[in-house]
N, C-alpha and C. Protein backbone atom coordinates (compact mmCIF):
# COMPACT_ATOMS: atom_id res chain seq x y z
N MET A 1 -79.58 -187.03 -251.36
CA MET A 1 -78.28 -187.14 -251.97
C MET A 1 -78.24 -188.43 -252.79
N LYS A 2 -77.56 -188.36 -253.93
CA LYS A 2 -77.49 -189.50 -254.84
C LYS A 2 -76.02 -189.80 -255.16
N LEU A 3 -75.61 -191.06 -254.89
CA LEU A 3 -74.22 -191.49 -255.07
C LEU A 3 -74.15 -192.59 -256.12
N LEU A 4 -73.21 -192.47 -257.05
CA LEU A 4 -72.96 -193.51 -258.04
C LEU A 4 -71.50 -193.95 -257.91
N PHE A 5 -71.29 -195.25 -257.69
CA PHE A 5 -69.94 -195.82 -257.63
C PHE A 5 -69.63 -196.44 -258.99
N VAL A 6 -68.41 -196.20 -259.50
CA VAL A 6 -68.06 -196.62 -260.85
C VAL A 6 -66.73 -197.36 -260.87
N CYS A 7 -66.71 -198.50 -261.59
CA CYS A 7 -65.46 -199.19 -261.92
C CYS A 7 -65.53 -199.54 -263.40
N THR A 8 -64.73 -200.46 -263.85
CA THR A 8 -64.66 -200.76 -265.28
C THR A 8 -65.85 -201.59 -265.76
N GLY A 9 -66.07 -202.77 -265.16
CA GLY A 9 -67.12 -203.66 -265.63
C GLY A 9 -68.34 -203.76 -264.74
N ASN A 10 -68.30 -203.14 -263.57
CA ASN A 10 -69.40 -203.15 -262.60
C ASN A 10 -69.72 -204.55 -262.10
N ILE A 11 -68.66 -205.37 -261.91
CA ILE A 11 -68.90 -206.70 -261.33
C ILE A 11 -68.01 -206.99 -260.12
N CYS A 12 -67.06 -206.12 -259.81
CA CYS A 12 -66.20 -206.35 -258.64
C CYS A 12 -66.22 -205.16 -257.69
N ARG A 13 -65.53 -204.10 -258.05
CA ARG A 13 -65.33 -202.99 -257.11
C ARG A 13 -66.56 -202.13 -256.88
N SER A 14 -67.18 -201.63 -257.94
CA SER A 14 -68.29 -200.69 -257.73
C SER A 14 -69.52 -201.33 -257.11
N PRO A 15 -69.89 -202.58 -257.45
CA PRO A 15 -71.02 -203.16 -256.72
C PRO A 15 -70.69 -203.41 -255.25
N THR A 16 -69.43 -203.72 -254.98
CA THR A 16 -69.01 -203.88 -253.58
C THR A 16 -69.16 -202.56 -252.84
N ALA A 17 -68.70 -201.47 -253.46
CA ALA A 17 -68.83 -200.15 -252.84
C ALA A 17 -70.29 -199.78 -252.63
N GLU A 18 -71.12 -200.07 -253.61
CA GLU A 18 -72.56 -199.79 -253.48
C GLU A 18 -73.16 -200.52 -252.29
N ALA A 19 -72.87 -201.82 -252.19
CA ALA A 19 -73.45 -202.63 -251.11
C ALA A 19 -72.89 -202.26 -249.74
N VAL A 20 -71.59 -201.97 -249.67
CA VAL A 20 -70.98 -201.55 -248.41
C VAL A 20 -71.60 -200.23 -247.96
N CYS A 21 -71.75 -199.29 -248.87
CA CYS A 21 -72.35 -198.00 -248.55
C CYS A 21 -73.80 -198.18 -248.10
N GLN A 22 -74.53 -199.02 -248.80
CA GLN A 22 -75.92 -199.31 -248.44
C GLN A 22 -76.01 -199.82 -247.00
N LYS A 23 -75.16 -200.79 -246.68
CA LYS A 23 -75.18 -201.39 -245.34
C LYS A 23 -74.84 -200.35 -244.27
N LYS A 24 -73.82 -199.55 -244.53
CA LYS A 24 -73.41 -198.53 -243.55
C LYS A 24 -74.52 -197.49 -243.34
N LEU A 25 -75.16 -197.08 -244.42
CA LEU A 25 -76.24 -196.10 -244.30
C LEU A 25 -77.45 -196.69 -243.57
N GLU A 26 -77.71 -197.97 -243.78
CA GLU A 26 -78.79 -198.63 -243.03
C GLU A 26 -78.46 -198.65 -241.55
N GLU A 27 -77.21 -198.98 -241.22
CA GLU A 27 -76.78 -199.01 -239.82
C GLU A 27 -76.86 -197.62 -239.18
N MET A 28 -76.61 -196.59 -239.98
CA MET A 28 -76.67 -195.21 -239.48
C MET A 28 -78.10 -194.65 -239.50
N ARG A 29 -79.01 -195.45 -240.03
CA ARG A 29 -80.42 -195.05 -240.20
C ARG A 29 -80.55 -193.81 -241.10
N LEU A 30 -79.73 -193.76 -242.13
CA LEU A 30 -79.76 -192.64 -243.07
C LEU A 30 -80.14 -193.08 -244.48
N ILE A 31 -80.42 -194.36 -244.67
CA ILE A 31 -80.64 -194.89 -246.01
C ILE A 31 -81.80 -194.21 -246.73
N SER A 32 -82.80 -193.76 -246.01
CA SER A 32 -83.95 -193.12 -246.66
C SER A 32 -83.60 -191.76 -247.26
N HIS A 33 -82.44 -191.23 -246.92
CA HIS A 33 -82.02 -189.92 -247.41
C HIS A 33 -81.04 -190.00 -248.58
N VAL A 34 -80.64 -191.22 -248.93
CA VAL A 34 -79.58 -191.38 -249.94
C VAL A 34 -79.98 -192.43 -250.96
N GLU A 35 -79.75 -192.12 -252.23
CA GLU A 35 -79.92 -193.09 -253.31
C GLU A 35 -78.52 -193.55 -253.72
N ILE A 36 -78.33 -194.85 -253.83
CA ILE A 36 -77.02 -195.41 -254.17
C ILE A 36 -77.17 -196.32 -255.37
N ASP A 37 -76.19 -196.29 -256.27
CA ASP A 37 -76.18 -197.18 -257.42
C ASP A 37 -74.72 -197.40 -257.80
N SER A 38 -74.50 -198.30 -258.74
CA SER A 38 -73.16 -198.52 -259.28
C SER A 38 -73.28 -198.80 -260.76
N ALA A 39 -72.17 -198.59 -261.47
CA ALA A 39 -72.15 -198.80 -262.92
C ALA A 39 -70.71 -198.99 -263.37
N GLY A 40 -70.55 -199.42 -264.60
CA GLY A 40 -69.24 -199.60 -265.18
C GLY A 40 -69.00 -198.63 -266.32
N THR A 41 -67.75 -198.39 -266.62
CA THR A 41 -67.42 -197.54 -267.76
C THR A 41 -67.58 -198.30 -269.07
N HIS A 42 -67.54 -199.62 -269.01
CA HIS A 42 -67.65 -200.45 -270.21
C HIS A 42 -68.72 -201.52 -270.00
N ALA A 43 -69.39 -201.90 -271.06
CA ALA A 43 -70.52 -202.83 -271.00
C ALA A 43 -70.09 -204.29 -271.17
N PHE A 44 -68.93 -204.65 -270.62
CA PHE A 44 -68.43 -206.02 -270.75
C PHE A 44 -69.38 -207.05 -270.14
N HIS A 45 -70.03 -206.69 -269.05
CA HIS A 45 -70.80 -207.67 -268.27
C HIS A 45 -72.23 -207.21 -268.01
N GLU A 46 -72.77 -206.36 -268.84
CA GLU A 46 -74.09 -205.77 -268.59
C GLU A 46 -75.14 -206.85 -268.28
N GLY A 47 -75.87 -206.64 -267.19
CA GLY A 47 -76.92 -207.56 -266.77
C GLY A 47 -76.46 -208.73 -265.93
N VAL A 48 -75.15 -208.84 -265.71
CA VAL A 48 -74.56 -209.98 -265.00
C VAL A 48 -74.43 -209.64 -263.51
N ALA A 49 -74.57 -210.66 -262.67
CA ALA A 49 -74.37 -210.50 -261.22
C ALA A 49 -72.89 -210.24 -260.93
N PRO A 50 -72.59 -209.66 -259.77
CA PRO A 50 -71.19 -209.44 -259.40
C PRO A 50 -70.39 -210.75 -259.40
N ASP A 51 -69.10 -210.62 -259.65
CA ASP A 51 -68.17 -211.75 -259.65
C ASP A 51 -68.35 -212.57 -258.37
N ALA A 52 -68.34 -213.88 -258.51
CA ALA A 52 -68.55 -214.78 -257.37
C ALA A 52 -67.54 -214.53 -256.26
N ARG A 53 -66.30 -214.18 -256.64
CA ARG A 53 -65.28 -213.92 -255.61
C ARG A 53 -65.59 -212.65 -254.82
N SER A 54 -66.11 -211.64 -255.49
CA SER A 54 -66.54 -210.43 -254.78
C SER A 54 -67.70 -210.74 -253.84
N GLN A 55 -68.64 -211.54 -254.32
CA GLN A 55 -69.78 -211.91 -253.49
C GLN A 55 -69.34 -212.69 -252.26
N GLU A 56 -68.38 -213.59 -252.45
CA GLU A 56 -67.90 -214.42 -251.35
C GLU A 56 -67.20 -213.58 -250.28
N VAL A 57 -66.32 -212.69 -250.70
CA VAL A 57 -65.60 -211.84 -249.74
C VAL A 57 -66.58 -210.91 -249.03
N ALA A 58 -67.49 -210.32 -249.77
CA ALA A 58 -68.48 -209.42 -249.16
C ALA A 58 -69.33 -210.17 -248.14
N ALA A 59 -69.73 -211.38 -248.47
CA ALA A 59 -70.57 -212.18 -247.56
C ALA A 59 -69.84 -212.46 -246.24
N LYS A 60 -68.52 -212.63 -246.30
CA LYS A 60 -67.74 -212.84 -245.07
C LYS A 60 -67.86 -211.65 -244.12
N HIS A 61 -68.20 -210.49 -244.68
CA HIS A 61 -68.33 -209.26 -243.90
C HIS A 61 -69.80 -208.85 -243.72
N GLY A 62 -70.70 -209.77 -244.03
CA GLY A 62 -72.12 -209.49 -243.84
C GLY A 62 -72.73 -208.57 -244.88
N VAL A 63 -72.10 -208.49 -246.05
CA VAL A 63 -72.58 -207.62 -247.13
C VAL A 63 -73.06 -208.50 -248.28
N ASP A 64 -74.28 -208.25 -248.75
CA ASP A 64 -74.91 -209.06 -249.79
C ASP A 64 -74.88 -208.32 -251.13
N LEU A 65 -74.27 -208.95 -252.13
CA LEU A 65 -74.21 -208.39 -253.48
C LEU A 65 -75.15 -209.10 -254.44
N GLY A 66 -75.85 -210.13 -253.97
CA GLY A 66 -76.59 -211.05 -254.83
C GLY A 66 -77.63 -210.44 -255.74
N ASP A 67 -78.28 -209.37 -255.33
CA ASP A 67 -79.35 -208.78 -256.15
C ASP A 67 -78.85 -207.75 -257.16
N LEU A 68 -77.59 -207.40 -257.11
CA LEU A 68 -77.05 -206.37 -258.00
C LEU A 68 -76.77 -206.94 -259.38
N ARG A 69 -76.91 -206.11 -260.41
CA ARG A 69 -76.62 -206.50 -261.78
C ARG A 69 -75.83 -205.38 -262.45
N ALA A 70 -74.86 -205.78 -263.26
CA ALA A 70 -73.98 -204.81 -263.92
C ALA A 70 -74.75 -203.97 -264.93
N ARG A 71 -74.36 -202.71 -264.98
CA ARG A 71 -74.87 -201.80 -266.00
C ARG A 71 -73.75 -200.84 -266.36
N VAL A 72 -73.95 -200.10 -267.42
CA VAL A 72 -72.94 -199.15 -267.87
C VAL A 72 -73.41 -197.73 -267.53
N VAL A 73 -72.45 -196.84 -267.29
CA VAL A 73 -72.76 -195.44 -267.04
C VAL A 73 -73.45 -194.85 -268.27
N THR A 74 -74.50 -194.06 -268.03
CA THR A 74 -75.22 -193.40 -269.12
C THR A 74 -75.06 -191.89 -269.00
N VAL A 75 -75.40 -191.18 -270.05
CA VAL A 75 -75.35 -189.72 -270.04
C VAL A 75 -76.27 -189.18 -268.94
N ASP A 76 -77.40 -189.81 -268.74
CA ASP A 76 -78.35 -189.37 -267.71
C ASP A 76 -77.75 -189.41 -266.30
N ASP A 77 -76.80 -190.32 -266.08
CA ASP A 77 -76.19 -190.43 -264.76
C ASP A 77 -75.49 -189.14 -264.33
N PHE A 78 -74.95 -188.41 -265.28
CA PHE A 78 -74.26 -187.16 -264.95
C PHE A 78 -75.23 -186.11 -264.41
N GLU A 79 -76.48 -186.20 -264.81
CA GLU A 79 -77.51 -185.29 -264.31
C GLU A 79 -78.13 -185.82 -263.02
N ARG A 80 -78.34 -187.12 -262.97
CA ARG A 80 -79.08 -187.74 -261.86
C ARG A 80 -78.33 -187.76 -260.54
N PHE A 81 -77.02 -188.01 -260.58
CA PHE A 81 -76.24 -188.22 -259.36
C PHE A 81 -75.49 -186.96 -258.92
N ASP A 82 -75.42 -186.79 -257.60
CA ASP A 82 -74.70 -185.66 -257.01
C ASP A 82 -73.20 -185.93 -256.93
N HIS A 83 -72.85 -187.19 -256.72
CA HIS A 83 -71.45 -187.61 -256.58
C HIS A 83 -71.25 -188.87 -257.41
N ILE A 84 -70.22 -188.88 -258.24
CA ILE A 84 -69.86 -190.05 -259.05
C ILE A 84 -68.46 -190.44 -258.61
N ILE A 85 -68.39 -191.56 -257.88
CA ILE A 85 -67.17 -191.95 -257.19
C ILE A 85 -66.52 -193.11 -257.93
N CYS A 86 -65.33 -192.88 -258.45
CA CYS A 86 -64.63 -193.86 -259.27
C CYS A 86 -63.60 -194.64 -258.46
N MET A 87 -63.30 -195.85 -258.93
CA MET A 87 -62.36 -196.71 -258.23
C MET A 87 -60.91 -196.50 -258.66
N ASP A 88 -60.69 -196.04 -259.90
CA ASP A 88 -59.31 -195.80 -260.32
C ASP A 88 -59.23 -194.65 -261.32
N LYS A 89 -58.00 -194.25 -261.60
CA LYS A 89 -57.77 -193.10 -262.47
C LYS A 89 -58.27 -193.34 -263.89
N ASN A 90 -58.19 -194.58 -264.38
CA ASN A 90 -58.71 -194.87 -265.71
C ASN A 90 -60.21 -194.62 -265.77
N ASN A 91 -60.93 -195.00 -264.71
CA ASN A 91 -62.38 -194.75 -264.67
C ASN A 91 -62.68 -193.27 -264.70
N ILE A 92 -61.98 -192.50 -263.88
CA ILE A 92 -62.26 -191.06 -263.80
C ILE A 92 -61.84 -190.36 -265.09
N ASP A 93 -60.73 -190.79 -265.70
CA ASP A 93 -60.30 -190.21 -266.97
C ASP A 93 -61.33 -190.49 -268.06
N TYR A 94 -61.83 -191.71 -268.11
CA TYR A 94 -62.83 -192.11 -269.11
C TYR A 94 -64.09 -191.26 -268.95
N LEU A 95 -64.57 -191.13 -267.70
CA LEU A 95 -65.79 -190.37 -267.47
C LEU A 95 -65.60 -188.88 -267.68
N SER A 96 -64.43 -188.36 -267.37
CA SER A 96 -64.20 -186.92 -267.54
C SER A 96 -64.24 -186.53 -269.01
N ARG A 97 -63.95 -187.47 -269.91
CA ARG A 97 -64.03 -187.19 -271.35
C ARG A 97 -65.48 -187.15 -271.83
N SER A 98 -66.39 -187.85 -271.14
CA SER A 98 -67.78 -187.88 -271.59
C SER A 98 -68.73 -187.06 -270.73
N ALA A 99 -68.27 -186.63 -269.56
CA ALA A 99 -69.13 -185.85 -268.67
C ALA A 99 -69.29 -184.42 -269.20
N PRO A 100 -70.50 -183.88 -269.12
CA PRO A 100 -70.67 -182.47 -269.48
C PRO A 100 -69.83 -181.58 -268.57
N ALA A 101 -69.46 -180.42 -269.05
CA ALA A 101 -68.60 -179.51 -268.27
C ALA A 101 -69.20 -179.20 -266.91
N HIS A 102 -70.51 -179.03 -266.85
CA HIS A 102 -71.14 -178.68 -265.57
C HIS A 102 -71.20 -179.84 -264.58
N ALA A 103 -70.82 -181.05 -265.01
CA ALA A 103 -70.85 -182.22 -264.12
C ALA A 103 -69.46 -182.70 -263.71
N GLN A 104 -68.41 -182.08 -264.23
CA GLN A 104 -67.05 -182.51 -263.92
C GLN A 104 -66.76 -182.52 -262.42
N HIS A 105 -67.31 -181.56 -261.70
CA HIS A 105 -67.07 -181.45 -260.26
C HIS A 105 -67.65 -182.62 -259.47
N LYS A 106 -68.51 -183.40 -260.08
CA LYS A 106 -69.14 -184.54 -259.40
C LYS A 106 -68.21 -185.75 -259.33
N LEU A 107 -67.17 -185.78 -260.15
CA LEU A 107 -66.27 -186.92 -260.26
C LEU A 107 -65.20 -186.90 -259.18
N SER A 108 -64.96 -188.06 -258.56
CA SER A 108 -63.87 -188.19 -257.59
C SER A 108 -63.42 -189.64 -257.54
N LEU A 109 -62.24 -189.85 -256.98
CA LEU A 109 -61.77 -191.20 -256.67
C LEU A 109 -62.20 -191.53 -255.25
N LEU A 110 -62.61 -192.76 -255.01
CA LEU A 110 -63.07 -193.13 -253.67
C LEU A 110 -62.00 -192.86 -252.62
N LEU A 111 -60.76 -193.24 -252.90
CA LEU A 111 -59.72 -193.08 -251.89
C LEU A 111 -59.27 -191.63 -251.72
N ASP A 112 -59.72 -190.72 -252.60
CA ASP A 112 -59.44 -189.30 -252.38
C ASP A 112 -60.12 -188.79 -251.11
N HIS A 113 -61.11 -189.50 -250.64
CA HIS A 113 -61.85 -189.08 -249.45
C HIS A 113 -61.15 -189.53 -248.16
N VAL A 114 -60.12 -190.36 -248.30
CA VAL A 114 -59.35 -190.85 -247.15
C VAL A 114 -58.15 -189.92 -246.94
N ASP A 115 -58.00 -189.40 -245.73
CA ASP A 115 -56.86 -188.53 -245.44
C ASP A 115 -55.55 -189.24 -245.76
N GLY A 116 -54.69 -188.57 -246.53
CA GLY A 116 -53.38 -189.11 -246.85
C GLY A 116 -53.36 -190.14 -247.96
N ALA A 117 -54.49 -190.39 -248.61
CA ALA A 117 -54.53 -191.42 -249.65
C ALA A 117 -54.97 -190.87 -251.00
N SER A 118 -54.86 -189.57 -251.21
CA SER A 118 -55.37 -188.99 -252.45
C SER A 118 -54.63 -189.52 -253.67
N HIS A 119 -55.36 -189.59 -254.76
CA HIS A 119 -54.89 -190.04 -256.07
C HIS A 119 -54.47 -191.51 -256.08
N GLN A 120 -54.98 -192.29 -255.15
CA GLN A 120 -54.67 -193.72 -255.13
C GLN A 120 -55.82 -194.51 -255.75
N ASP A 121 -55.45 -195.50 -256.52
CA ASP A 121 -56.43 -196.40 -257.14
C ASP A 121 -56.80 -197.53 -256.20
N ILE A 122 -58.00 -198.03 -256.39
CA ILE A 122 -58.37 -199.34 -255.85
C ILE A 122 -58.22 -200.28 -257.03
N SER A 123 -57.21 -201.13 -256.98
CA SER A 123 -56.87 -201.99 -258.11
C SER A 123 -57.98 -202.97 -258.44
N ASP A 124 -58.11 -203.26 -259.73
CA ASP A 124 -59.11 -204.23 -260.18
C ASP A 124 -58.64 -205.63 -259.82
N PRO A 125 -59.40 -206.37 -259.01
CA PRO A 125 -58.96 -207.70 -258.58
C PRO A 125 -59.33 -208.81 -259.56
N TYR A 126 -60.01 -208.47 -260.65
CA TYR A 126 -60.62 -209.47 -261.53
C TYR A 126 -59.67 -210.58 -261.98
N TYR A 127 -58.45 -210.23 -262.36
CA TYR A 127 -57.52 -211.23 -262.88
C TYR A 127 -56.59 -211.80 -261.82
N GLY A 128 -56.81 -211.45 -260.57
CA GLY A 128 -55.96 -211.93 -259.49
C GLY A 128 -56.63 -213.00 -258.64
N GLY A 129 -56.00 -213.28 -257.52
CA GLY A 129 -56.51 -214.30 -256.61
C GLY A 129 -57.40 -213.72 -255.53
N GLU A 130 -57.82 -214.60 -254.61
CA GLU A 130 -58.76 -214.20 -253.56
C GLU A 130 -58.18 -213.11 -252.66
N ARG A 131 -56.87 -213.15 -252.42
CA ARG A 131 -56.25 -212.13 -251.56
C ARG A 131 -56.50 -210.73 -252.11
N GLY A 132 -56.49 -210.59 -253.42
CA GLY A 132 -56.77 -209.30 -254.04
C GLY A 132 -58.18 -208.81 -253.74
N PHE A 133 -59.12 -209.73 -253.69
CA PHE A 133 -60.51 -209.37 -253.38
C PHE A 133 -60.64 -208.95 -251.92
N ASP A 134 -59.89 -209.61 -251.04
CA ASP A 134 -59.89 -209.21 -249.62
C ASP A 134 -59.33 -207.80 -249.46
N LEU A 135 -58.23 -207.52 -250.16
CA LEU A 135 -57.61 -206.19 -250.09
C LEU A 135 -58.56 -205.12 -250.64
N VAL A 136 -59.19 -205.40 -251.77
CA VAL A 136 -60.14 -204.46 -252.37
C VAL A 136 -61.29 -204.19 -251.41
N PHE A 137 -61.81 -205.22 -250.76
CA PHE A 137 -62.91 -205.01 -249.81
C PHE A 137 -62.46 -204.07 -248.69
N ALA A 138 -61.26 -204.30 -248.17
CA ALA A 138 -60.75 -203.46 -247.08
C ALA A 138 -60.58 -202.01 -247.54
N GLU A 139 -60.05 -201.81 -248.74
CA GLU A 139 -59.87 -200.44 -249.26
C GLU A 139 -61.21 -199.76 -249.49
N ILE A 140 -62.17 -200.50 -250.03
CA ILE A 140 -63.50 -199.94 -250.26
C ILE A 140 -64.15 -199.58 -248.93
N ASN A 141 -64.04 -200.45 -247.96
CA ASN A 141 -64.62 -200.19 -246.64
C ASN A 141 -64.04 -198.90 -246.05
N LEU A 142 -62.72 -198.75 -246.14
CA LEU A 142 -62.04 -197.55 -245.66
C LEU A 142 -62.52 -196.31 -246.42
N GLY A 143 -62.59 -196.43 -247.74
CA GLY A 143 -63.02 -195.31 -248.57
C GLY A 143 -64.45 -194.89 -248.32
N VAL A 144 -65.35 -195.87 -248.19
CA VAL A 144 -66.76 -195.55 -247.94
C VAL A 144 -66.92 -194.90 -246.57
N ASP A 145 -66.20 -195.41 -245.56
CA ASP A 145 -66.25 -194.77 -244.24
C ASP A 145 -65.86 -193.29 -244.33
N ALA A 146 -64.75 -193.02 -245.03
CA ALA A 146 -64.27 -191.64 -245.16
C ALA A 146 -65.24 -190.78 -245.96
N LEU A 147 -65.78 -191.34 -247.04
CA LEU A 147 -66.75 -190.61 -247.87
C LEU A 147 -67.98 -190.23 -247.05
N LEU A 148 -68.54 -191.18 -246.33
CA LEU A 148 -69.75 -190.91 -245.54
C LEU A 148 -69.47 -189.91 -244.43
N LYS A 149 -68.31 -190.02 -243.82
CA LYS A 149 -67.94 -189.06 -242.77
C LYS A 149 -67.89 -187.65 -243.35
N LYS A 150 -67.27 -187.53 -244.52
CA LYS A 150 -67.15 -186.23 -245.18
C LYS A 150 -68.52 -185.69 -245.58
N LEU A 151 -69.36 -186.54 -246.16
CA LEU A 151 -70.67 -186.09 -246.61
C LEU A 151 -71.59 -185.74 -245.44
N CYS A 152 -71.45 -186.45 -244.34
CA CYS A 152 -72.30 -186.19 -243.17
C CYS A 152 -71.92 -184.91 -242.44
N THR A 153 -70.71 -184.40 -242.69
CA THR A 153 -70.29 -183.17 -242.03
C THR A 153 -70.48 -181.95 -242.93
N GLN A 154 -70.93 -182.17 -244.15
CA GLN A 154 -71.14 -181.05 -245.08
C GLN A 154 -72.52 -180.44 -244.88
């Protein structure tokens, strides 16, 4: 199975989701069965490490983002990945305009996998304070737990 997490610039939310998912799959001893990556809808920060605030909050939870680098979603990603999980409606709307018709079913919002939280965004913390990064980490953690639970029962 191949999972791609997507946000706008690939320096806050999607790399956090990638690393959280990686850690959880390692703990479940399932990492060898899953390929995980992250990307942004826009190339604002291509090649750049995740935002220092995201790295700091993730580190408090034992999650390392240090080796990740921002990249932009490519046309090949629609073929390569089984699930393309977006952080907000703007991300999914942007990708749905460029995704081939046969790949539209691969797109979802991360929080759509949480019971009772469908159609909810994980807000971009980039222009906010540290509290926003803590909240985003908690939402991503919840979303990844629900996503993995759903995928493991399919």
